[in-house]
Amino acid sequence: MMSFRSRYDDVTRAFRQAPWRVQTQFIATFATIAVVIVALGGMYLAEASRTATAGRDVQSLQIQKAELEMSINRLNASIAQMKSVSRLENRVREMGFVAAQSTQVEFIVVDGYRKGQGQTATPVASAPETPDYNETLGMWLARTLSTMIGLGG
């Protein structure tokens, strides 16, 4: 029979790890931690890259927006300049038009209208009244269909 001490030594020897096993566990733990750190760093780098790209895109679009607004403002200024009274008068003269004299203007008198105080003509009498419609769309459709089919009318 084995003694208790011998059995204890066998169990202790079995649980005691060899030096190469301790080194292997240390290296495996270190490698696992290194892989996790590298993976987290890679994810951070990818996200930072996407954020930077989005920021550059926003800046580019803001510059493009500012350029378009400037172009719109230049075109609006050009339109305003083209619509100026002096420009229009010069253009009209170039086309051969002249200001009308009061003897060249012919006025038409319209019954029922009178001239207001410094305003355009205003109607004196109201327009003739139109009859009220008391027919619904369904009634009109039924009447039209019956006339088309020839059921009467």
C-alpha atoms as a PDB file:
ATOM      1  CA  MET A   1       0.000   0.000   0.000  1.00  0.00           C
ATOM      2  CA  MET A   2       0.959   3.446  -0.713  1.00  0.00           C
ATOM      3  CA  SER A   3       1.413   5.811   2.048  1.00  0.00           C
ATOM      4  CA  PHE A   4      -0.449   8.997   2.378  1.00  0.00           C
ATOM      5  CA  ARG A   5       2.711  11.000   1.820  1.00  0.00           C
ATOM      6  CA  SER A   6       3.474   9.194  -1.426  1.00  0.00           C
ATOM      7  CA  ARG A   7       0.012   9.753  -2.705  1.00  0.00           C
ATOM      8  CA  TYR A   8       0.252  13.456  -1.783  1.00  0.00           C
ATOM      9  CA  ASP A   9       3.515  13.755  -3.701  1.00  0.00           C
ATOM     10  CA  ASP A  10       1.944  12.114  -6.768  1.00  0.00           C
ATOM     11  CA  VAL A  11      -0.999  14.479  -6.710  1.00  0.00           C
ATOM     12  CA  THR A  12       1.255  17.492  -6.159  1.00  0.00           C
ATOM     13  CA  ARG A  13       3.469  16.421  -9.029  1.00  0.00           C
ATOM     14  CA  ALA A  14       0.438  15.975 -11.268  1.00  0.00           C
ATOM     15  CA  PHE A  15      -0.858  19.465 -10.535  1.00  0.00           C
ATOM     16  CA  ARG A  16       2.525  21.087 -10.640  1.00  0.00           C
ATOM     17  CA  GLN A  17       3.064  22.498 -14.080  1.00  0.00           C
ATOM     18  CA  ALA A  18       6.161  22.122 -16.091  1.00  0.00           C
ATOM     19  CA  PRO A  19       8.080  25.356 -16.849  1.00  0.00           C
ATOM     20  CA  TRP A  20       7.334  25.126 -20.574  1.00  0.00           C
ATOM     21  CA  ARG A  21       3.603  24.883 -19.789  1.00  0.00           C
ATOM     22  CA  VAL A  22       3.730  28.095 -17.721  1.00  0.00           C
ATOM     23  CA  GLN A  23       5.578  29.884 -20.510  1.00  0.00           C
ATOM     24  CA  THR A  24       3.055  28.653 -23.095  1.00  0.00           C
ATOM     25  CA  GLN A  25       0.124  29.924 -21.013  1.00  0.00           C
ATOM     26  CA  PHE A  26       1.821  33.292 -20.539  1.00  0.00           C
ATOM     27  CA  ILE A  27       2.512  33.658 -24.248  1.00  0.00           C
ATOM     28  CA  ALA A  28      -1.058  32.604 -25.150  1.00  0.00           C
ATOM     29  CA  THR A  29      -2.539  35.118 -22.677  1.00  0.00           C
ATOM     30  CA  PHE A  30      -0.240  37.866 -23.947  1.00  0.00           C
ATOM     31  CA  ALA A  31      -1.080  37.033 -27.581  1.00  0.00           C
ATOM     32  CA  THR A  32      -4.827  37.065 -26.826  1.00  0.00           C
ATOM     33  CA  ILE A  33      -4.584  40.475 -25.159  1.00  0.00           C
ATOM     34  CA  ALA A  34      -2.475  41.791 -28.058  1.00  0.00           C
ATOM     35  CA  VAL A  35      -5.028  40.546 -30.629  1.00  0.00           C
ATOM     36  CA  VAL A  36      -7.893  42.195 -28.713  1.00  0.00           C
ATOM     37  CA  ILE A  37      -5.982  45.491 -28.483  1.00  0.00           C
ATOM     38  CA  VAL A  38      -5.096  45.395 -32.196  1.00  0.00           C
ATOM     39  CA  ALA A  39      -8.729  44.599 -33.115  1.00  0.00           C
ATOM     40  CA  LEU A  40     -10.062  47.483 -30.990  1.00  0.00           C
ATOM     41  CA  GLY A  41      -7.420  49.817 -32.447  1.00  0.00           C
ATOM     42  CA  GLY A  42      -8.372  48.769 -35.972  1.00  0.00           C
ATOM     43  CA  MET A  43     -12.065  49.412 -35.318  1.00  0.00           C
ATOM     44  CA  TYR A  44     -11.232  52.828 -33.840  1.00  0.00           C
ATOM     45  CA  LEU A  45      -9.049  53.677 -36.830  1.00  0.00           C
ATOM     46  CA  ALA A  46     -11.761  52.629 -39.304  1.00  0.00           C
ATOM     47  CA  GLU A  47     -14.374  54.738 -37.511  1.00  0.00           C
ATOM     48  CA  ALA A  48     -12.040  57.732 -37.319  1.00  0.00           C
ATOM     49  CA  SER A  49     -11.345  57.381 -41.036  1.00  0.00           C
ATOM     50  CA  ARG A  50     -15.066  57.309 -41.871  1.00  0.00           C
ATOM     51  CA  THR A  51     -15.669  60.347 -39.662  1.00  0.00           C
ATOM     52  CA  ALA A  52     -12.859  62.291 -41.311  1.00  0.00           C
ATOM     53  CA  THR A  53     -14.150  61.386 -44.774  1.00  0.00           C
ATOM     54  CA  ALA A  54     -17.659  62.518 -43.837  1.00  0.00           C
ATOM     55  CA  GLY A  55     -16.246  65.782 -42.486  1.00  0.00           C
ATOM     56  CA  ARG A  56     -14.365  66.444 -45.727  1.00  0.00           C
ATOM     57  CA  ASP A  57     -17.517  65.684 -47.719  1.00  0.00           C
ATOM     58  CA  VAL A  58     -19.513  68.144 -45.601  1.00  0.00           C
ATOM     59  CA  GLN A  59     -16.854  70.833 -46.082  1.00  0.00           C
ATOM     60  CA  SER A  60     -16.838  70.224 -49.833  1.00  0.00           C
ATOM     61  CA  LEU A  61     -20.625  70.484 -49.993  1.00  0.00           C
ATOM     62  CA  GLN A  62     -20.575  73.678 -47.911  1.00  0.00           C
ATOM     63  CA  ILE A  63     -18.051  75.219 -50.308  1.00  0.00           C
ATOM     64  CA  GLN A  64     -20.180  74.148 -53.271  1.00  0.00           C
ATOM     65  CA  LYS A  65     -23.278  75.616 -51.600  1.00  0.00           C
ATOM     66  CA  ALA A  66     -21.493  78.931 -50.994  1.00  0.00           C
ATOM     67  CA  GLU A  67     -20.352  79.043 -54.640  1.00  0.00           C
ATOM     68  CA  LEU A  68     -23.888  78.327 -55.873  1.00  0.00           C
ATOM     69  CA  GLU A  69     -25.342  81.007 -53.583  1.00  0.00           C
ATOM     70  CA  MET A  70     -22.773  83.484 -54.907  1.00  0.00           C
ATOM     71  CA  SER A  71     -23.671  82.556 -58.476  1.00  0.00           C
ATOM     72  CA  ILE A  72     -27.389  82.962 -57.706  1.00  0.00           C
ATOM     73  CA  ASN A  73     -26.716  86.384 -56.157  1.00  0.00           C
ATOM     74  CA  ARG A  74     -24.716  87.457 -59.234  1.00  0.00           C
ATOM     75  CA  LEU A  75     -27.541  86.319 -61.521  1.00  0.00           C
ATOM     76  CA  ASN A  76     -30.147  88.126 -59.387  1.00  0.00           C
ATOM     77  CA  ALA A  77     -28.040  91.292 -59.539  1.00  0.00           C
ATOM     78  CA  SER A  78     -27.729  90.905 -63.296  1.00  0.00           C
ATOM     79  CA  ILE A  79     -31.494  90.434 -63.634  1.00  0.00           C
ATOM     80  CA  ALA A  80     -32.128  93.500 -61.483  1.00  0.00           C
ATOM     81  CA  GLN A  81     -29.709  95.490 -63.623  1.00  0.00           C
ATOM     82  CA  MET A  82     -31.431  94.297 -66.817  1.00  0.00           C
ATOM     83  CA  LYS A  83     -34.832  95.284 -65.390  1.00  0.00           C
ATOM     84  CA  SER A  84     -33.751  98.791 -64.428  1.00  0.00           C
ATOM     85  CA  VAL A  85     -35.932 101.527 -65.889  1.00  0.00           C
ATOM     86  CA  SER A  86     -33.049 103.344 -67.584  1.00  0.00           C
ATOM     87  CA  ARG A  87     -31.873 100.118 -69.256  1.00  0.00           C
ATOM     88  CA  LEU A  88     -35.405  99.279 -70.399  1.00  0.00           C
ATOM     89  CA  GLU A  89     -35.900 102.807 -71.762  1.00  0.00           C
ATOM     90  CA  ASN A  90     -32.636 102.572 -73.725  1.00  0.00           C
ATOM     91  CA  ARG A  91     -33.618  99.178 -75.090  1.00  0.00           C
ATOM     92  CA  VAL A  92     -37.052 100.436 -76.124  1.00  0.00           C
ATOM     93  CA  ARG A  93     -35.452 103.375 -77.951  1.00  0.00           C
ATOM     94  CA  GLU A  94     -33.038 100.995 -79.706  1.00  0.00           C
ATOM     95  CA  MET A  95     -36.030  98.984 -80.898  1.00  0.00           C
ATOM     96  CA  GLY A  96     -37.549 102.135 -82.397  1.00  0.00           C
ATOM     97  CA  PHE A  97     -40.337 102.838 -79.940  1.00  0.00           C
ATOM     98  CA  VAL A  98     -41.124 106.399 -78.812  1.00  0.00           C
ATOM     99  CA  ALA A  99     -43.300 107.774 -76.062  1.00  0.00           C
ATOM    100  CA  ALA A 100     -46.921 108.201 -77.130  1.00  0.00           C
ATOM    101  CA  GLN A 101     -48.362 111.697 -77.304  1.00  0.00           C
ATOM    102  CA  SER A 102     -51.818 112.335 -75.848  1.00  0.00           C
ATOM    103  CA  THR A 103     -53.132 112.963 -79.381  1.00  0.00           C
ATOM    104  CA  GLN A 104     -51.969 109.486 -80.437  1.00  0.00           C
ATOM    105  CA  VAL A 105     -53.835 107.661 -77.656  1.00  0.00           C
ATOM    106  CA  GLU A 106     -57.373 106.517 -78.308  1.00  0.00           C
ATOM    107  CA  PHE A 107     -59.604 105.876 -75.309  1.00  0.00           C
ATOM    108  CA  ILE A 108     -62.557 103.495 -75.353  1.00  0.00           C
ATOM    109  CA  VAL A 109     -65.610 104.267 -73.256  1.00  0.00           C
ATOM    110  CA  VAL A 110     -67.162 101.262 -71.580  1.00  0.00           C
ATOM    111  CA  ASP A 111     -70.716 101.551 -70.250  1.00  0.00           C
ATOM    112  CA  GLY A 112     -71.076 100.682 -66.598  1.00  0.00           C
ATOM    113  CA  TYR A 113     -67.541 101.736 -65.637  1.00  0.00           C
ATOM    114  CA  ARG A 114     -66.505 105.030 -64.165  1.00  0.00           C
ATOM    115  CA  LYS A 115     -63.110 106.468 -63.421  1.00  0.00           C
ATOM    116  CA  GLY A 116     -62.133 106.434 -59.749  1.00  0.00           C
ATOM    117  CA  GLN A 117     -60.071 109.020 -57.899  1.00  0.00           C
ATOM    118  CA  GLY A 118     -56.617 108.487 -59.351  1.00  0.00           C
ATOM    119  CA  GLN A 119     -57.352 104.809 -59.745  1.00  0.00           C
ATOM    120  CA  THR A 120     -58.152 102.543 -62.626  1.00  0.00           C
ATOM    121  CA  ALA A 121     -61.709 102.206 -63.791  1.00  0.00           C
ATOM    122  CA  THR A 122     -64.021 100.377 -61.398  1.00  0.00           C
ATOM    123  CA  PRO A 123     -67.287  98.614 -62.195  1.00  0.00           C
ATOM    124  CA  VAL A 124     -70.471 100.520 -61.361  1.00  0.00           C
ATOM    125  CA  ALA A 125     -73.021  97.782 -61.840  1.00  0.00           C
ATOM    126  CA  SER A 126     -72.564  94.239 -60.630  1.00  0.00           C
ATOM    127  CA  ALA A 127     -72.268  91.407 -63.091  1.00  0.00           C
ATOM    128  CA  PRO A 128     -75.477  89.617 -64.040  1.00  0.00           C
ATOM    129  CA  GLU A 129     -76.410  86.899 -61.614  1.00  0.00           C
ATOM    130  CA  THR A 130     -75.897  83.327 -62.659  1.00  0.00           C
ATOM    131  CA  PRO A 131     -78.411  80.701 -61.621  1.00  0.00           C
ATOM    132  CA  ASP A 132     -77.540  78.439 -58.717  1.00  0.00           C
ATOM    133  CA  TYR A 133     -76.712  74.870 -59.592  1.00  0.00           C
ATOM    134  CA  ASN A 134     -78.789  72.338 -57.716  1.00  0.00           C
ATOM    135  CA  GLU A 135     -77.636  69.261 -59.592  1.00  0.00           C
ATOM    136  CA  THR A 136     -75.121  66.871 -58.049  1.00  0.00           C
ATOM    137  CA  LEU A 137     -72.442  65.041 -59.959  1.00  0.00           C
ATOM    138  CA  GLY A 138     -74.330  61.786 -59.535  1.00  0.00           C
ATOM    139  CA  MET A 139     -77.524  63.315 -60.933  1.00  0.00           C
ATOM    140  CA  TRP A 140     -75.646  64.804 -63.906  1.00  0.00           C
ATOM    141  CA  LEU A 141     -73.902  61.496 -64.592  1.00  0.00           C
ATOM    142  CA  ALA A 142     -77.171  59.563 -64.440  1.00  0.00           C
ATOM    143  CA  ARG A 143     -78.878  62.073 -66.761  1.00  0.00           C
ATOM    144  CA  THR A 144     -75.967  62.033 -69.228  1.00  0.00           C
ATOM    145  CA  LEU A 145     -75.753  58.232 -69.274  1.00  0.00           C
ATOM    146  CA  SER A 146     -79.485  57.834 -69.748  1.00  0.00           C
ATOM    147  CA  THR A 147     -79.372  60.293 -72.646  1.00  0.00           C
ATOM    148  CA  MET A 148     -76.445  58.445 -74.231  1.00  0.00           C
ATOM    149  CA  ILE A 149     -78.057  55.047 -73.833  1.00  0.00           C
ATOM    150  CA  GLY A 150     -81.315  56.396 -75.114  1.00  0.00           C
ATOM    151  CA  LEU A 151     -83.524  55.727 -72.129  1.00  0.00           C
ATOM    152  CA  GLY A 152     -85.037  59.128 -72.342  1.00  0.00           C
ATOM    153  CA  GLY A 153     -84.091  62.418 -71.044  1.00  0.00           C
END
